[in-house]
Amino acid sequence: MSSHDNKSLKKDAMAKIRLVEEILRRWDPIGVQPGTFAPADEYDSYAPHIVSMVQRGCTMEELAGHLEQLSEVTMGVGSNLKKSQKFAAQIVRTLRSSDTPV
């Protein structure tokens, strides 16, 4: 693989992470309105793993479960399955539509 190919893959990965970061800011299970009452990057650390999950072929239900675990266990704010399902679907749809065939 050439240096150019590596740069292209890294650029693609970073673009996908940024897409997920934007969706996670709207997900906002804590209700801090990132960029308003909390740092804009409040949920950004979760994006790389989420991108990896989707690239490995996780289902929307699996991703919703992951968002639920983040909300309940990691953040301790309780469950909102309907909201987690809505944002999981947005993430999966966005990432799969951003894929370009090789």
N, C-alpha and C. Protein backbone atom coordinates (compact mmCIF):
# COMPACT_ATOMS: atom_id res chain seq x y z
N MET A 1 0.85 -1.17 0.00
CA MET A 1 0.00 0.00 0.00
C MET A 1 0.89 1.24 0.00
N SER A 2 0.60 2.16 -0.84
CA SER A 2 1.42 3.35 -0.97
C SER A 2 1.11 4.35 0.15
N SER A 3 1.99 5.30 0.30
CA SER A 3 1.81 6.37 1.27
C SER A 3 0.53 7.15 0.97
N HIS A 4 0.28 7.34 -0.32
CA HIS A 4 -0.94 8.05 -0.74
C HIS A 4 -2.18 7.29 -0.31
N ASP A 5 -2.18 5.95 -0.46
CA ASP A 5 -3.32 5.13 -0.05
C ASP A 5 -3.54 5.22 1.46
N ASN A 6 -2.44 5.19 2.23
CA ASN A 6 -2.53 5.30 3.68
C ASN A 6 -3.14 6.64 4.08
N LYS A 7 -2.71 7.70 3.43
CA LYS A 7 -3.24 9.03 3.74
C LYS A 7 -4.72 9.09 3.41
N SER A 8 -5.10 8.48 2.30
CA SER A 8 -6.50 8.47 1.88
C SER A 8 -7.36 7.70 2.89
N LEU A 9 -6.86 6.55 3.35
CA LEU A 9 -7.59 5.76 4.34
C LEU A 9 -7.74 6.52 5.65
N LYS A 10 -6.66 7.19 6.08
CA LYS A 10 -6.71 7.95 7.33
C LYS A 10 -7.70 9.12 7.20
N LYS A 11 -7.66 9.79 6.05
CA LYS A 11 -8.57 10.91 5.82
C LYS A 11 -10.02 10.43 5.85
N ASP A 12 -10.30 9.28 5.23
CA ASP A 12 -11.64 8.70 5.22
C ASP A 12 -12.08 8.34 6.64
N ALA A 13 -11.19 7.73 7.41
CA ALA A 13 -11.52 7.35 8.78
C ALA A 13 -11.82 8.58 9.63
N MET A 14 -11.02 9.62 9.49
CA MET A 14 -11.24 10.85 10.26
C MET A 14 -12.56 11.52 9.86
N ALA A 15 -12.90 11.46 8.58
CA ALA A 15 -14.17 12.04 8.13
C ALA A 15 -15.34 11.30 8.76
N LYS A 16 -15.25 9.97 8.84
CA LYS A 16 -16.32 9.18 9.45
C LYS A 16 -16.43 9.46 10.94
N ILE A 17 -15.30 9.60 11.60
CA ILE A 17 -15.31 9.93 13.03
C ILE A 17 -15.99 11.28 13.24
N ARG A 18 -15.68 12.26 12.40
CA ARG A 18 -16.30 13.58 12.53
C ARG A 18 -17.81 13.51 12.31
N LEU A 19 -18.26 12.69 11.37
CA LEU A 19 -19.70 12.52 11.15
C LEU A 19 -20.38 11.98 12.41
N VAL A 20 -19.75 10.98 13.03
CA VAL A 20 -20.32 10.39 14.24
C VAL A 20 -20.28 11.38 15.40
N GLU A 21 -19.21 12.15 15.51
CA GLU A 21 -19.13 13.16 16.57
C GLU A 21 -20.31 14.12 16.49
N GLU A 22 -20.64 14.55 15.28
CA GLU A 22 -21.76 15.47 15.10
C GLU A 22 -23.08 14.83 15.55
N ILE A 23 -23.27 13.57 15.24
CA ILE A 23 -24.50 12.88 15.64
C ILE A 23 -24.54 12.71 17.16
N LEU A 24 -23.40 12.36 17.75
CA LEU A 24 -23.36 12.19 19.21
C LEU A 24 -23.65 13.48 19.94
N ARG A 25 -23.29 14.61 19.36
CA ARG A 25 -23.60 15.90 20.00
C ARG A 25 -25.10 16.14 20.03
N ARG A 26 -25.82 15.63 19.05
CA ARG A 26 -27.28 15.75 19.06
C ARG A 26 -27.91 14.68 19.98
N TRP A 27 -27.27 13.53 20.09
CA TRP A 27 -27.73 12.45 20.98
C TRP A 27 -27.77 12.97 22.42
N ASP A 28 -26.68 13.51 22.91
CA ASP A 28 -26.57 14.24 24.18
C ASP A 28 -27.39 13.65 25.33
N PRO A 29 -27.07 12.44 25.79
CA PRO A 29 -27.87 11.82 26.86
C PRO A 29 -27.81 12.57 28.19
N ILE A 30 -26.76 13.33 28.41
CA ILE A 30 -26.63 14.06 29.67
C ILE A 30 -27.45 15.36 29.61
N GLY A 31 -27.70 15.85 28.40
CA GLY A 31 -28.47 17.07 28.25
C GLY A 31 -27.66 18.34 28.48
N VAL A 32 -26.37 18.28 28.13
CA VAL A 32 -25.48 19.43 28.37
C VAL A 32 -25.29 20.31 27.15
N GLN A 33 -25.91 19.96 26.05
CA GLN A 33 -25.79 20.74 24.82
C GLN A 33 -24.32 21.07 24.52
N PRO A 34 -23.55 20.07 24.08
CA PRO A 34 -22.13 20.30 23.83
C PRO A 34 -21.89 21.58 23.04
N GLY A 35 -20.96 22.37 23.54
CA GLY A 35 -20.66 23.65 22.92
C GLY A 35 -21.40 24.79 23.59
N THR A 36 -22.42 24.44 24.41
CA THR A 36 -23.17 25.45 25.13
C THR A 36 -22.88 25.38 26.63
N PHE A 37 -23.25 24.24 27.24
CA PHE A 37 -23.03 24.05 28.68
C PHE A 37 -21.92 23.06 28.98
N ALA A 38 -21.32 22.52 27.98
CA ALA A 38 -20.21 21.58 28.13
C ALA A 38 -19.28 21.76 26.94
N PRO A 39 -18.07 21.24 27.04
CA PRO A 39 -17.17 21.34 25.88
C PRO A 39 -17.82 20.73 24.64
N ALA A 40 -17.54 21.30 23.48
CA ALA A 40 -18.11 20.80 22.22
C ALA A 40 -17.75 19.34 21.98
N ASP A 41 -16.61 18.91 22.52
CA ASP A 41 -16.14 17.53 22.29
C ASP A 41 -16.57 16.57 23.40
N GLU A 42 -17.61 16.89 24.14
CA GLU A 42 -18.06 16.10 25.29
C GLU A 42 -18.17 14.60 24.99
N TYR A 43 -18.67 14.22 23.83
CA TYR A 43 -18.89 12.81 23.50
C TYR A 43 -17.94 12.28 22.42
N ASP A 44 -17.02 13.10 21.96
CA ASP A 44 -16.16 12.74 20.83
C ASP A 44 -15.34 11.47 21.06
N SER A 45 -14.97 11.19 22.29
CA SER A 45 -14.13 10.02 22.56
C SER A 45 -14.83 8.71 22.23
N TYR A 46 -16.15 8.72 22.13
CA TYR A 46 -16.90 7.50 21.81
C TYR A 46 -16.94 7.22 20.31
N ALA A 47 -16.67 8.22 19.49
CA ALA A 47 -16.84 8.10 18.04
C ALA A 47 -15.95 7.05 17.38
N PRO A 48 -14.64 6.98 17.67
CA PRO A 48 -13.81 5.99 16.96
C PRO A 48 -14.30 4.55 17.15
N HIS A 49 -14.69 4.19 18.38
CA HIS A 49 -15.18 2.83 18.62
C HIS A 49 -16.49 2.59 17.87
N ILE A 50 -17.35 3.58 17.84
CA ILE A 50 -18.63 3.45 17.13
C ILE A 50 -18.39 3.26 15.63
N VAL A 51 -17.48 4.02 15.06
CA VAL A 51 -17.13 3.85 13.64
C VAL A 51 -16.63 2.43 13.41
N SER A 52 -15.77 1.96 14.30
CA SER A 52 -15.23 0.60 14.18
C SER A 52 -16.35 -0.45 14.25
N MET A 53 -17.28 -0.26 15.17
CA MET A 53 -18.40 -1.21 15.29
C MET A 53 -19.19 -1.30 13.98
N VAL A 54 -19.50 -0.15 13.41
CA VAL A 54 -20.30 -0.12 12.18
C VAL A 54 -19.51 -0.72 11.02
N GLN A 55 -18.22 -0.42 10.96
CA GLN A 55 -17.40 -0.97 9.88
C GLN A 55 -17.28 -2.49 10.00
N ARG A 56 -17.36 -3.01 11.21
CA ARG A 56 -17.33 -4.47 11.40
C ARG A 56 -18.68 -5.11 11.13
N GLY A 57 -19.71 -4.28 10.86
CA GLY A 57 -21.01 -4.82 10.47
C GLY A 57 -22.02 -4.97 11.59
N CYS A 58 -21.87 -4.22 12.67
CA CYS A 58 -22.85 -4.34 13.76
C CYS A 58 -24.24 -3.95 13.25
N THR A 59 -25.23 -4.45 13.92
CA THR A 59 -26.61 -4.10 13.57
C THR A 59 -26.99 -2.80 14.27
N MET A 60 -28.07 -2.21 13.84
CA MET A 60 -28.57 -1.01 14.49
C MET A 60 -28.91 -1.33 15.95
N GLU A 61 -29.45 -2.51 16.20
CA GLU A 61 -29.81 -2.91 17.57
C GLU A 61 -28.57 -3.03 18.44
N GLU A 62 -27.49 -3.59 17.89
CA GLU A 62 -26.25 -3.69 18.66
C GLU A 62 -25.69 -2.31 18.99
N LEU A 63 -25.76 -1.42 18.04
CA LEU A 63 -25.26 -0.07 18.28
C LEU A 63 -26.15 0.66 19.29
N ALA A 64 -27.45 0.49 19.20
CA ALA A 64 -28.36 1.09 20.18
C ALA A 64 -28.04 0.56 21.58
N GLY A 65 -27.74 -0.73 21.68
CA GLY A 65 -27.34 -1.31 22.96
C GLY A 65 -26.06 -0.69 23.49
N HIS A 66 -25.13 -0.42 22.61
CA HIS A 66 -23.88 0.23 23.00
C HIS A 66 -24.16 1.65 23.51
N LEU A 67 -25.01 2.39 22.81
CA LEU A 67 -25.37 3.74 23.26
C LEU A 67 -26.07 3.68 24.61
N GLU A 68 -26.92 2.69 24.80
CA GLU A 68 -27.60 2.51 26.08
C GLU A 68 -26.59 2.25 27.20
N GLN A 69 -25.61 1.40 26.91
CA GLN A 69 -24.59 1.10 27.92
C GLN A 69 -23.79 2.36 28.26
N LEU A 70 -23.44 3.13 27.24
CA LEU A 70 -22.73 4.39 27.50
C LEU A 70 -23.57 5.29 28.40
N SER A 71 -24.85 5.41 28.08
CA SER A 71 -25.74 6.29 28.83
C SER A 71 -25.94 5.80 30.26
N GLU A 72 -26.23 4.51 30.41
CA GLU A 72 -26.54 3.97 31.73
C GLU A 72 -25.32 3.72 32.59
N VAL A 73 -24.34 3.02 32.04
CA VAL A 73 -23.20 2.57 32.84
C VAL A 73 -22.10 3.62 32.89
N THR A 74 -21.67 4.09 31.72
CA THR A 74 -20.56 5.03 31.68
C THR A 74 -20.95 6.39 32.24
N MET A 75 -22.11 6.90 31.81
CA MET A 75 -22.52 8.24 32.23
C MET A 75 -23.46 8.24 33.43
N GLY A 76 -24.10 7.11 33.69
CA GLY A 76 -24.97 6.98 34.85
C GLY A 76 -26.24 7.82 34.80
N VAL A 77 -26.75 8.07 33.58
CA VAL A 77 -27.94 8.92 33.46
C VAL A 77 -29.21 8.15 33.13
N GLY A 78 -29.14 6.85 33.10
CA GLY A 78 -30.34 6.07 32.85
C GLY A 78 -30.55 5.74 31.38
N SER A 79 -31.63 5.05 31.13
CA SER A 79 -31.93 4.52 29.82
C SER A 79 -32.93 5.39 29.07
N ASN A 80 -32.73 5.45 27.76
CA ASN A 80 -33.72 6.05 26.87
C ASN A 80 -33.60 5.28 25.55
N LEU A 81 -34.14 4.06 25.56
CA LEU A 81 -33.96 3.14 24.44
C LEU A 81 -34.45 3.73 23.13
N LYS A 82 -35.58 4.41 23.15
CA LYS A 82 -36.12 4.98 21.91
C LYS A 82 -35.12 5.99 21.32
N LYS A 83 -34.56 6.84 22.16
CA LYS A 83 -33.58 7.83 21.71
C LYS A 83 -32.32 7.13 21.21
N SER A 84 -31.86 6.11 21.93
CA SER A 84 -30.67 5.36 21.50
C SER A 84 -30.89 4.70 20.15
N GLN A 85 -32.09 4.13 19.95
CA GLN A 85 -32.40 3.50 18.67
C GLN A 85 -32.42 4.52 17.54
N LYS A 86 -32.99 5.68 17.80
CA LYS A 86 -33.07 6.75 16.79
C LYS A 86 -31.66 7.17 16.35
N PHE A 87 -30.78 7.41 17.31
CA PHE A 87 -29.45 7.88 16.96
C PHE A 87 -28.57 6.76 16.42
N ALA A 88 -28.77 5.54 16.87
CA ALA A 88 -28.04 4.41 16.30
C ALA A 88 -28.39 4.27 14.82
N ALA A 89 -29.67 4.40 14.50
CA ALA A 89 -30.10 4.31 13.10
C ALA A 89 -29.47 5.43 12.27
N GLN A 90 -29.42 6.64 12.82
CA GLN A 90 -28.80 7.76 12.11
C GLN A 90 -27.32 7.48 11.84
N ILE A 91 -26.63 6.96 12.85
CA ILE A 91 -25.20 6.68 12.71
C ILE A 91 -24.97 5.62 11.64
N VAL A 92 -25.70 4.52 11.74
CA VAL A 92 -25.53 3.42 10.77
C VAL A 92 -25.83 3.91 9.36
N ARG A 93 -26.94 4.61 9.21
CA ARG A 93 -27.33 5.13 7.89
C ARG A 93 -26.26 6.09 7.35
N THR A 94 -25.80 6.99 8.17
CA THR A 94 -24.81 7.98 7.74
C THR A 94 -23.50 7.32 7.34
N LEU A 95 -23.02 6.40 8.17
CA LEU A 95 -21.73 5.77 7.85
C LEU A 95 -21.83 4.85 6.65
N ARG A 96 -22.90 4.13 6.55
CA ARG A 96 -23.03 3.20 5.40
C ARG A 96 -23.24 3.98 4.11
N SER A 97 -23.88 5.14 4.17
CA SER A 97 -24.06 5.93 2.95
C SER A 97 -22.77 6.67 2.58
N SER A 98 -21.86 6.83 3.55
CA SER A 98 -20.59 7.52 3.25
C SER A 98 -19.57 6.56 2.68
N ASP A 99 -19.84 5.26 2.76
CA ASP A 99 -18.91 4.27 2.19
C ASP A 99 -18.92 4.34 0.69
N THR A 100 -17.73 4.31 0.13
CA THR A 100 -17.62 4.27 -1.31
C THR A 100 -17.01 2.93 -1.71
N PRO A 101 -17.57 2.28 -2.70
CA PRO A 101 -17.03 0.99 -3.12
C PRO A 101 -15.59 1.12 -3.58
N VAL A 102 -14.81 0.12 -3.24
CA VAL A 102 -13.39 0.12 -3.62
C VAL A 102 -13.24 -0.62 -4.93
